N, C-alpha and C. Protein backbone atom coordinates (compact mmCIF):
# COMPACT_ATOMS: atom_id res chain seq x y z
N MET A 1 0.85 -1.18 0.00
CA MET A 1 0.00 0.00 0.00
C MET A 1 0.90 1.24 0.00
N ASN A 2 0.61 2.18 -0.89
CA ASN A 2 1.47 3.36 -1.00
C ASN A 2 1.17 4.38 0.09
N SER A 3 2.04 5.38 0.18
CA SER A 3 1.91 6.37 1.27
C SER A 3 0.67 7.25 1.11
N GLU A 4 0.29 7.54 -0.15
CA GLU A 4 -0.92 8.34 -0.36
C GLU A 4 -2.15 7.61 0.18
N LEU A 5 -2.22 6.31 -0.07
CA LEU A 5 -3.34 5.52 0.42
C LEU A 5 -3.34 5.43 1.94
N HIS A 6 -2.15 5.29 2.53
CA HIS A 6 -2.04 5.30 3.99
C HIS A 6 -2.59 6.60 4.55
N SER A 7 -2.20 7.69 3.92
CA SER A 7 -2.63 9.01 4.38
C SER A 7 -4.15 9.16 4.24
N LEU A 8 -4.70 8.68 3.12
CA LEU A 8 -6.15 8.77 2.91
C LEU A 8 -6.91 7.95 3.95
N TYR A 9 -6.43 6.75 4.23
CA TYR A 9 -7.10 5.92 5.23
C TYR A 9 -6.98 6.54 6.62
N ASN A 10 -5.82 7.10 6.93
CA ASN A 10 -5.66 7.77 8.23
C ASN A 10 -6.63 8.95 8.36
N SER A 11 -6.78 9.70 7.27
CA SER A 11 -7.72 10.82 7.28
C SER A 11 -9.15 10.32 7.45
N LEU A 12 -9.49 9.23 6.77
CA LEU A 12 -10.82 8.66 6.88
C LEU A 12 -11.10 8.22 8.32
N ILE A 13 -10.14 7.58 8.93
CA ILE A 13 -10.30 7.13 10.33
C ILE A 13 -10.50 8.34 11.24
N SER A 14 -9.74 9.39 11.00
CA SER A 14 -9.87 10.62 11.80
C SER A 14 -11.27 11.23 11.66
N VAL A 15 -11.76 11.30 10.43
CA VAL A 15 -13.09 11.86 10.19
C VAL A 15 -14.16 10.99 10.84
N LEU A 16 -14.02 9.68 10.72
CA LEU A 16 -14.99 8.77 11.34
C LEU A 16 -15.02 8.94 12.86
N ARG A 17 -13.88 9.12 13.45
CA ARG A 17 -13.82 9.33 14.91
C ARG A 17 -14.50 10.64 15.31
N LYS A 18 -14.32 11.67 14.48
CA LYS A 18 -15.01 12.94 14.75
C LYS A 18 -16.52 12.77 14.61
N GLU A 19 -16.94 11.99 13.61
CA GLU A 19 -18.37 11.73 13.45
C GLU A 19 -18.92 10.99 14.67
N ILE A 20 -18.15 10.05 15.18
CA ILE A 20 -18.58 9.30 16.37
C ILE A 20 -18.77 10.26 17.54
N GLU A 21 -17.86 11.20 17.71
CA GLU A 21 -17.99 12.19 18.79
C GLU A 21 -19.27 13.00 18.65
N VAL A 22 -19.54 13.46 17.44
CA VAL A 22 -20.73 14.27 17.21
C VAL A 22 -22.00 13.45 17.42
N TYR A 23 -21.98 12.20 16.95
CA TYR A 23 -23.16 11.35 17.15
C TYR A 23 -23.36 11.03 18.63
N ARG A 24 -22.30 10.94 19.39
CA ARG A 24 -22.45 10.75 20.84
C ARG A 24 -23.12 11.96 21.49
N LYS A 25 -22.73 13.16 21.04
CA LYS A 25 -23.37 14.38 21.55
C LYS A 25 -24.85 14.40 21.17
N LEU A 26 -25.15 14.00 19.95
CA LEU A 26 -26.54 13.94 19.52
C LEU A 26 -27.31 12.91 20.34
N HIS A 27 -26.69 11.78 20.59
CA HIS A 27 -27.29 10.72 21.42
C HIS A 27 -27.61 11.26 22.81
N ASP A 28 -26.65 11.96 23.40
CA ASP A 28 -26.86 12.53 24.74
C ASP A 28 -27.97 13.58 24.72
N SER A 29 -28.04 14.37 23.66
CA SER A 29 -29.10 15.37 23.54
C SER A 29 -30.47 14.71 23.46
N LEU A 30 -30.56 13.59 22.75
CA LEU A 30 -31.83 12.88 22.66
C LEU A 30 -32.23 12.25 23.99
N LEU A 31 -31.24 11.80 24.75
CA LEU A 31 -31.54 11.28 26.09
C LEU A 31 -32.09 12.39 26.98
N ASP A 32 -31.46 13.56 26.92
CA ASP A 32 -31.91 14.70 27.71
C ASP A 32 -33.28 15.20 27.25
N GLU A 33 -33.55 15.06 25.96
CA GLU A 33 -34.80 15.56 25.41
C GLU A 33 -36.02 14.89 26.05
N LYS A 34 -35.90 13.62 26.39
CA LYS A 34 -37.03 12.93 27.03
C LYS A 34 -37.37 13.61 28.35
N LYS A 35 -36.35 13.94 29.14
CA LYS A 35 -36.58 14.62 30.41
C LYS A 35 -37.18 16.01 30.18
N ILE A 36 -36.67 16.68 29.16
CA ILE A 36 -37.15 18.04 28.86
C ILE A 36 -38.61 17.99 28.42
N LEU A 37 -38.96 17.01 27.59
CA LEU A 37 -40.36 16.90 27.13
C LEU A 37 -41.29 16.61 28.29
N ALA A 38 -40.84 15.79 29.22
CA ALA A 38 -41.67 15.47 30.38
C ALA A 38 -41.79 16.68 31.31
N GLY A 39 -40.75 17.53 31.34
CA GLY A 39 -40.76 18.69 32.22
C GLY A 39 -41.50 19.88 31.65
N SER A 40 -41.75 19.89 30.37
CA SER A 40 -42.52 20.95 29.71
C SER A 40 -41.90 22.33 29.79
N SER A 41 -40.58 22.42 29.76
CA SER A 41 -39.92 23.72 29.76
C SER A 41 -39.61 24.12 28.32
N VAL A 42 -40.23 25.17 27.85
CA VAL A 42 -40.06 25.62 26.48
C VAL A 42 -38.63 26.09 26.23
N ASP A 43 -38.06 26.84 27.18
CA ASP A 43 -36.69 27.33 27.00
C ASP A 43 -35.70 26.17 26.89
N GLU A 44 -35.85 25.15 27.73
CA GLU A 44 -34.97 24.00 27.66
C GLU A 44 -35.16 23.24 26.35
N LEU A 45 -36.39 23.21 25.87
CA LEU A 45 -36.67 22.54 24.59
C LEU A 45 -35.98 23.28 23.44
N TYR A 46 -36.01 24.60 23.45
CA TYR A 46 -35.31 25.39 22.43
C TYR A 46 -33.80 25.13 22.49
N GLU A 47 -33.25 25.08 23.69
CA GLU A 47 -31.82 24.80 23.84
C GLU A 47 -31.48 23.41 23.32
N SER A 48 -32.32 22.44 23.63
CA SER A 48 -32.11 21.08 23.17
C SER A 48 -32.15 21.02 21.64
N ASN A 49 -33.13 21.69 21.05
CA ASN A 49 -33.22 21.72 19.59
C ASN A 49 -32.00 22.38 18.97
N SER A 50 -31.51 23.42 19.61
CA SER A 50 -30.32 24.11 19.11
C SER A 50 -29.10 23.18 19.15
N ARG A 51 -28.95 22.43 20.24
CA ARG A 51 -27.83 21.48 20.34
C ARG A 51 -27.94 20.41 19.26
N LYS A 52 -29.15 19.90 19.04
CA LYS A 52 -29.34 18.87 18.01
C LYS A 52 -29.04 19.42 16.62
N GLU A 53 -29.51 20.63 16.34
CA GLU A 53 -29.25 21.24 15.03
C GLU A 53 -27.76 21.43 14.80
N THR A 54 -27.04 21.85 15.84
CA THR A 54 -25.60 22.01 15.74
C THR A 54 -24.93 20.68 15.42
N CYS A 55 -25.34 19.64 16.10
CA CYS A 55 -24.79 18.30 15.85
C CYS A 55 -25.07 17.86 14.42
N ILE A 56 -26.27 18.10 13.96
CA ILE A 56 -26.63 17.68 12.60
C ILE A 56 -25.81 18.44 11.56
N LEU A 57 -25.59 19.73 11.78
CA LEU A 57 -24.77 20.50 10.85
C LEU A 57 -23.33 19.99 10.84
N LYS A 58 -22.80 19.68 12.00
CA LYS A 58 -21.43 19.14 12.08
C LYS A 58 -21.34 17.80 11.36
N VAL A 59 -22.35 16.95 11.56
CA VAL A 59 -22.36 15.65 10.90
C VAL A 59 -22.40 15.82 9.38
N ARG A 60 -23.19 16.76 8.90
CA ARG A 60 -23.27 17.00 7.45
C ARG A 60 -21.92 17.42 6.89
N MET A 61 -21.24 18.31 7.60
CA MET A 61 -19.92 18.74 7.13
C MET A 61 -18.93 17.58 7.12
N LEU A 62 -18.94 16.80 8.20
CA LEU A 62 -18.05 15.65 8.27
C LEU A 62 -18.40 14.61 7.21
N GLU A 63 -19.67 14.46 6.94
CA GLU A 63 -20.10 13.51 5.91
C GLU A 63 -19.56 13.91 4.54
N GLU A 64 -19.60 15.20 4.23
CA GLU A 64 -19.05 15.67 2.96
C GLU A 64 -17.56 15.36 2.86
N VAL A 65 -16.83 15.59 3.94
CA VAL A 65 -15.40 15.29 3.95
C VAL A 65 -15.18 13.79 3.78
N ARG A 66 -15.97 13.00 4.48
CA ARG A 66 -15.84 11.54 4.39
C ARG A 66 -16.11 11.04 2.98
N ILE A 67 -17.14 11.57 2.35
CA ILE A 67 -17.50 11.15 0.99
C ILE A 67 -16.36 11.47 0.02
N LYS A 68 -15.77 12.65 0.16
CA LYS A 68 -14.65 13.02 -0.72
C LYS A 68 -13.44 12.11 -0.47
N LEU A 69 -13.19 11.78 0.79
CA LEU A 69 -12.09 10.88 1.09
C LEU A 69 -12.32 9.49 0.49
N VAL A 70 -13.53 9.01 0.63
CA VAL A 70 -13.85 7.69 0.08
C VAL A 70 -13.71 7.71 -1.44
N GLU A 71 -14.15 8.77 -2.08
CA GLU A 71 -13.98 8.89 -3.53
C GLU A 71 -12.51 8.86 -3.92
N ARG A 72 -11.69 9.55 -3.17
CA ARG A 72 -10.25 9.55 -3.47
C ARG A 72 -9.64 8.17 -3.26
N ILE A 73 -10.08 7.47 -2.21
CA ILE A 73 -9.58 6.11 -1.96
C ILE A 73 -10.01 5.18 -3.10
N VAL A 74 -11.26 5.30 -3.50
CA VAL A 74 -11.78 4.47 -4.59
C VAL A 74 -10.99 4.72 -5.87
N ASN A 75 -10.73 5.99 -6.16
CA ASN A 75 -9.95 6.32 -7.37
C ASN A 75 -8.53 5.80 -7.27
N THR A 76 -7.92 5.91 -6.11
CA THR A 76 -6.55 5.43 -5.93
C THR A 76 -6.47 3.92 -6.08
N LEU A 77 -7.49 3.22 -5.59
CA LEU A 77 -7.52 1.75 -5.68
C LEU A 77 -8.07 1.26 -7.03
N ASN A 78 -8.53 2.18 -7.88
CA ASN A 78 -9.13 1.83 -9.17
C ASN A 78 -10.32 0.88 -9.00
N LEU A 79 -11.18 1.20 -8.05
CA LEU A 79 -12.38 0.40 -7.82
C LEU A 79 -13.56 1.03 -8.54
N ASP A 80 -14.59 0.24 -8.76
CA ASP A 80 -15.85 0.76 -9.28
C ASP A 80 -16.51 1.57 -8.17
N GLY A 81 -16.88 2.80 -8.44
CA GLY A 81 -17.40 3.70 -7.42
C GLY A 81 -18.79 3.39 -6.93
N LYS A 82 -19.47 2.41 -7.55
CA LYS A 82 -20.84 2.10 -7.15
C LYS A 82 -20.84 1.18 -5.94
N ASP A 83 -21.77 1.41 -5.04
CA ASP A 83 -21.99 0.56 -3.86
C ASP A 83 -20.74 0.40 -3.00
N ILE A 84 -19.99 1.46 -2.86
CA ILE A 84 -18.81 1.42 -2.00
C ILE A 84 -19.26 1.80 -0.59
N ASN A 85 -18.87 0.99 0.37
CA ASN A 85 -19.15 1.29 1.76
C ASN A 85 -17.92 0.95 2.59
N LEU A 86 -18.03 1.10 3.86
CA LEU A 86 -16.89 0.86 4.74
C LEU A 86 -16.43 -0.60 4.68
N SER A 87 -17.37 -1.51 4.57
CA SER A 87 -17.01 -2.93 4.48
C SER A 87 -16.18 -3.21 3.23
N THR A 88 -16.50 -2.55 2.14
CA THR A 88 -15.72 -2.73 0.91
C THR A 88 -14.31 -2.19 1.09
N LEU A 89 -14.21 -1.04 1.74
CA LEU A 89 -12.89 -0.45 1.95
C LEU A 89 -12.04 -1.30 2.89
N LEU A 90 -12.68 -2.02 3.80
CA LEU A 90 -11.94 -2.88 4.72
C LEU A 90 -11.18 -3.99 3.98
N LEU A 91 -11.65 -4.36 2.80
CA LEU A 91 -11.00 -5.41 2.02
C LEU A 91 -9.67 -4.95 1.41
N HIS A 92 -9.46 -3.63 1.38
CA HIS A 92 -8.29 -3.07 0.70
C HIS A 92 -7.40 -2.26 1.64
N VAL A 93 -7.35 -2.64 2.88
CA VAL A 93 -6.57 -1.88 3.86
C VAL A 93 -5.65 -2.82 4.63
N ASP A 94 -4.55 -2.26 5.15
CA ASP A 94 -3.64 -3.09 5.94
C ASP A 94 -4.24 -3.38 7.31
N ASP A 95 -3.63 -4.31 8.03
CA ASP A 95 -4.20 -4.81 9.28
C ASP A 95 -4.33 -3.74 10.37
N SER A 96 -3.34 -2.85 10.47
CA SER A 96 -3.41 -1.85 11.56
C SER A 96 -4.59 -0.90 11.36
N ARG A 97 -4.79 -0.46 10.14
CA ARG A 97 -5.91 0.44 9.87
C ARG A 97 -7.24 -0.31 9.81
N LYS A 98 -7.18 -1.56 9.44
CA LYS A 98 -8.40 -2.37 9.37
C LYS A 98 -9.06 -2.45 10.74
N LYS A 99 -8.26 -2.65 11.78
CA LYS A 99 -8.80 -2.73 13.14
C LYS A 99 -9.47 -1.41 13.53
N ASP A 100 -8.82 -0.30 13.22
CA ASP A 100 -9.39 1.02 13.53
C ASP A 100 -10.69 1.26 12.78
N LEU A 101 -10.70 0.91 11.49
CA LEU A 101 -11.92 1.08 10.70
C LEU A 101 -13.06 0.20 11.20
N GLU A 102 -12.75 -1.02 11.60
CA GLU A 102 -13.79 -1.91 12.14
C GLU A 102 -14.36 -1.37 13.44
N GLU A 103 -13.50 -0.79 14.29
CA GLU A 103 -13.97 -0.19 15.54
C GLU A 103 -14.88 1.00 15.25
N CYS A 104 -14.49 1.83 14.28
CA CYS A 104 -15.32 2.98 13.90
C CYS A 104 -16.66 2.50 13.34
N GLN A 105 -16.62 1.50 12.49
CA GLN A 105 -17.84 0.96 11.90
C GLN A 105 -18.78 0.44 12.98
N SER A 106 -18.24 -0.31 13.92
CA SER A 106 -19.05 -0.87 15.00
C SER A 106 -19.65 0.24 15.88
N ALA A 107 -18.82 1.21 16.24
CA ALA A 107 -19.29 2.31 17.09
C ALA A 107 -20.38 3.11 16.38
N LEU A 108 -20.19 3.41 15.10
CA LEU A 108 -21.19 4.16 14.35
C LEU A 108 -22.49 3.39 14.21
N ARG A 109 -22.38 2.11 13.93
CA ARG A 109 -23.59 1.29 13.79
C ARG A 109 -24.39 1.29 15.10
N SER A 110 -23.70 1.09 16.20
CA SER A 110 -24.35 1.07 17.50
C SER A 110 -25.00 2.42 17.83
N LEU A 111 -24.24 3.49 17.63
CA LEU A 111 -24.76 4.83 17.93
C LEU A 111 -25.97 5.17 17.06
N LEU A 112 -25.89 4.88 15.79
CA LEU A 112 -27.00 5.21 14.90
C LEU A 112 -28.25 4.41 15.22
N THR A 113 -28.07 3.16 15.63
CA THR A 113 -29.22 2.35 16.04
C THR A 113 -29.86 2.94 17.29
N ASP A 114 -29.03 3.31 18.27
CA ASP A 114 -29.55 3.91 19.50
C ASP A 114 -30.24 5.25 19.23
N ILE A 115 -29.63 6.06 18.37
CA ILE A 115 -30.21 7.36 18.03
C ILE A 115 -31.57 7.19 17.38
N ASN A 116 -31.66 6.23 16.48
CA ASN A 116 -32.94 5.97 15.81
C ASN A 116 -34.00 5.55 16.82
N GLU A 117 -33.65 4.68 17.77
CA GLU A 117 -34.61 4.24 18.79
C GLU A 117 -35.02 5.40 19.70
N LEU A 118 -34.05 6.21 20.12
CA LEU A 118 -34.37 7.36 20.97
C LEU A 118 -35.25 8.36 20.23
N ASN A 119 -34.96 8.58 18.97
CA ASN A 119 -35.75 9.50 18.18
C ASN A 119 -37.19 8.99 18.04
N ASP A 120 -37.35 7.70 17.81
CA ASP A 120 -38.70 7.12 17.72
C ASP A 120 -39.45 7.25 19.04
N ARG A 121 -38.74 7.00 20.14
CA ARG A 121 -39.37 7.10 21.47
C ARG A 121 -39.81 8.54 21.76
N ASN A 122 -38.95 9.49 21.44
CA ASN A 122 -39.29 10.90 21.67
C ASN A 122 -40.42 11.34 20.75
N LYS A 123 -40.43 10.83 19.52
CA LYS A 123 -41.52 11.15 18.59
C LYS A 123 -42.85 10.63 19.14
N THR A 124 -42.85 9.43 19.69
CA THR A 124 -44.07 8.87 20.27
C THR A 124 -44.53 9.73 21.45
N LEU A 125 -43.61 10.14 22.28
CA LEU A 125 -43.94 11.00 23.41
C LEU A 125 -44.53 12.33 22.94
N LEU A 126 -43.94 12.93 21.92
CA LEU A 126 -44.45 14.19 21.38
C LEU A 126 -45.84 14.02 20.77
N ASN A 127 -46.02 12.95 20.00
CA ASN A 127 -47.34 12.70 19.39
C ASN A 127 -48.41 12.50 20.46
N SER A 128 -48.07 11.79 21.50
CA SER A 128 -49.02 11.56 22.59
C SER A 128 -49.35 12.87 23.29
N SER A 129 -48.34 13.67 23.54
CA SER A 129 -48.57 14.97 24.18
C SER A 129 -49.45 15.86 23.31
N LEU A 130 -49.18 15.90 22.02
CA LEU A 130 -49.99 16.71 21.11
C LEU A 130 -51.43 16.24 21.07
N PHE A 131 -51.64 14.94 21.11
CA PHE A 131 -53.00 14.39 21.12
C PHE A 131 -53.77 14.90 22.33
N TYR A 132 -53.15 14.86 23.51
CA TYR A 132 -53.84 15.30 24.72
C TYR A 132 -54.04 16.81 24.76
N VAL A 133 -53.09 17.55 24.21
CA VAL A 133 -53.26 19.00 24.14
C VAL A 133 -54.43 19.35 23.23
N ARG A 134 -54.50 18.68 22.08
CA ARG A 134 -55.62 18.94 21.15
C ARG A 134 -56.96 18.59 21.79
N LYS A 135 -57.02 17.48 22.50
CA LYS A 135 -58.26 17.08 23.17
C LYS A 135 -58.65 18.09 24.24
N ALA A 136 -57.65 18.60 24.98
CA ALA A 136 -57.93 19.59 26.02
C ALA A 136 -58.45 20.89 25.41
N ILE A 137 -57.83 21.31 24.31
CA ILE A 137 -58.28 22.53 23.63
C ILE A 137 -59.69 22.35 23.08
N ASP A 138 -59.95 21.19 22.52
CA ASP A 138 -61.29 20.88 22.00
C ASP A 138 -62.32 20.92 23.13
N PHE A 139 -61.99 20.32 24.26
CA PHE A 139 -62.89 20.30 25.41
C PHE A 139 -63.18 21.71 25.90
N LEU A 140 -62.11 22.51 26.04
CA LEU A 140 -62.30 23.89 26.50
C LEU A 140 -63.11 24.70 25.49
N GLY A 141 -62.88 24.46 24.21
CA GLY A 141 -63.65 25.15 23.18
C GLY A 141 -65.12 24.83 23.26
N ARG A 142 -65.46 23.61 23.57
CA ARG A 142 -66.87 23.21 23.70
C ARG A 142 -67.50 23.82 24.94
N ILE A 143 -66.72 24.01 25.97
CA ILE A 143 -67.26 24.63 27.18
C ILE A 143 -67.53 26.11 26.93
N ILE A 144 -66.56 26.78 26.29
CA ILE A 144 -66.68 28.21 26.05
C ILE A 144 -67.74 28.51 25.01
N SER A 145 -67.76 27.76 23.94
CA SER A 145 -68.70 28.01 22.86
C SER A 145 -69.34 26.68 22.45
N PRO A 146 -70.30 26.24 23.22
CA PRO A 146 -70.89 24.94 22.91
C PRO A 146 -71.68 24.98 21.62
N ALA A 147 -71.74 23.85 20.98
CA ALA A 147 -72.54 23.72 19.76
C ALA A 147 -74.01 23.73 20.15
N ALA A 148 -74.86 23.79 19.16
CA ALA A 148 -76.30 23.78 19.43
C ALA A 148 -76.65 22.54 20.24
N THR A 149 -77.51 22.71 21.21
CA THR A 149 -77.85 21.58 22.08
C THR A 149 -79.08 20.82 21.61
N TYR A 150 -79.78 21.37 20.61
CA TYR A 150 -80.99 20.70 20.12
C TYR A 150 -80.84 20.41 18.63
N LEU A 151 -81.34 19.28 18.22
CA LEU A 151 -81.37 18.92 16.81
C LEU A 151 -82.57 19.57 16.14
N ASN A 152 -82.63 19.49 14.82
CA ASN A 152 -83.76 20.06 14.08
C ASN A 152 -85.08 19.42 14.49
N THR A 153 -85.03 18.22 14.99
CA THR A 153 -86.25 17.51 15.41
C THR A 153 -86.73 17.98 16.77
N GLY A 154 -85.92 18.76 17.47
CA GLY A 154 -86.30 19.20 18.79
C GLY A 154 -85.73 18.33 19.89
N ARG A 155 -85.09 17.23 19.52
CA ARG A 155 -84.48 16.34 20.51
C ARG A 155 -83.15 16.91 21.00
N LEU A 156 -82.75 16.52 22.18
CA LEU A 156 -81.49 16.96 22.77
C LEU A 156 -80.32 16.31 22.04
N LYS A 157 -79.35 17.09 21.64
CA LYS A 157 -78.16 16.59 20.96
C LYS A 157 -77.21 16.03 22.02
N THR A 158 -76.87 14.75 21.92
CA THR A 158 -76.03 14.12 22.96
C THR A 158 -74.70 13.62 22.43
N SER A 159 -74.42 13.75 21.17
CA SER A 159 -73.15 13.25 20.65
C SER A 159 -72.01 14.20 21.00
N ASN A 160 -70.79 13.63 21.02
CA ASN A 160 -69.55 14.38 21.27
C ASN A 160 -69.50 15.04 22.64
N LEU A 161 -70.13 14.46 23.62
CA LEU A 161 -69.98 14.98 24.97
C LEU A 161 -68.73 14.35 25.56
N ASN A 162 -67.76 15.20 25.91
CA ASN A 162 -66.47 14.69 26.40
C ASN A 162 -66.27 14.83 27.90
N GLY A 163 -67.08 15.58 28.55
CA GLY A 163 -66.86 15.77 29.97
C GLY A 163 -67.93 16.67 30.57
N LYS A 164 -67.82 16.84 31.86
CA LYS A 164 -68.79 17.67 32.58
C LYS A 164 -68.04 18.59 33.53
N ILE A 165 -68.63 19.71 33.76
CA ILE A 165 -68.10 20.61 34.78
C ILE A 165 -69.04 20.54 35.96
N VAL A 166 -68.49 20.28 37.12
CA VAL A 166 -69.31 20.17 38.33
C VAL A 166 -69.00 21.38 39.20
N SER A 167 -70.05 21.98 39.70
CA SER A 167 -69.90 23.12 40.57
C SER A 167 -70.68 22.87 41.85
N ARG A 168 -70.04 23.06 42.96
CA ARG A 168 -70.73 22.91 44.24
C ARG A 168 -70.72 24.22 44.99
N GLU A 169 -71.83 24.53 45.53
CA GLU A 169 -71.90 25.75 46.35
C GLU A 169 -71.89 25.36 47.80
N GLY A 170 -71.34 26.18 48.58
CA GLY A 170 -71.51 25.95 49.99
C GLY A 170 -70.29 25.67 50.69
């Protein structure tokens, strides 16, 4: 393996490690987000979103660098550029870098799986919260401005009754 290829693989490993760091920060932000959603603090939610957006922007920049590095490695190795992934590159690397690349691959796979699960869990929590907020707003709207209570036939309209307000004097 020539020195240019060694340098390209070293750069790729460095970029992958930086991506792992950023994905760990994103993972931690998603863990914190569950607590923030349960606590209902809007300011903390804005801060959490800002941290996640920063992580996503960093990942995009690192991804661009990684893609260019992989293209250069593919060109140097004279490989077909289609369907190239980290596993393919592992076939064309020396043993010392192979171990580092496998560690990066494993760490990224694990982090991305966890991030996806956390994101799904937080999405479910948000959807559930929105459902109850909408129901509460609907209920309050019916109390403030109730629909007609009688049908055209003169009978009492009983559909869509969601609750009662009880008042006690004394």
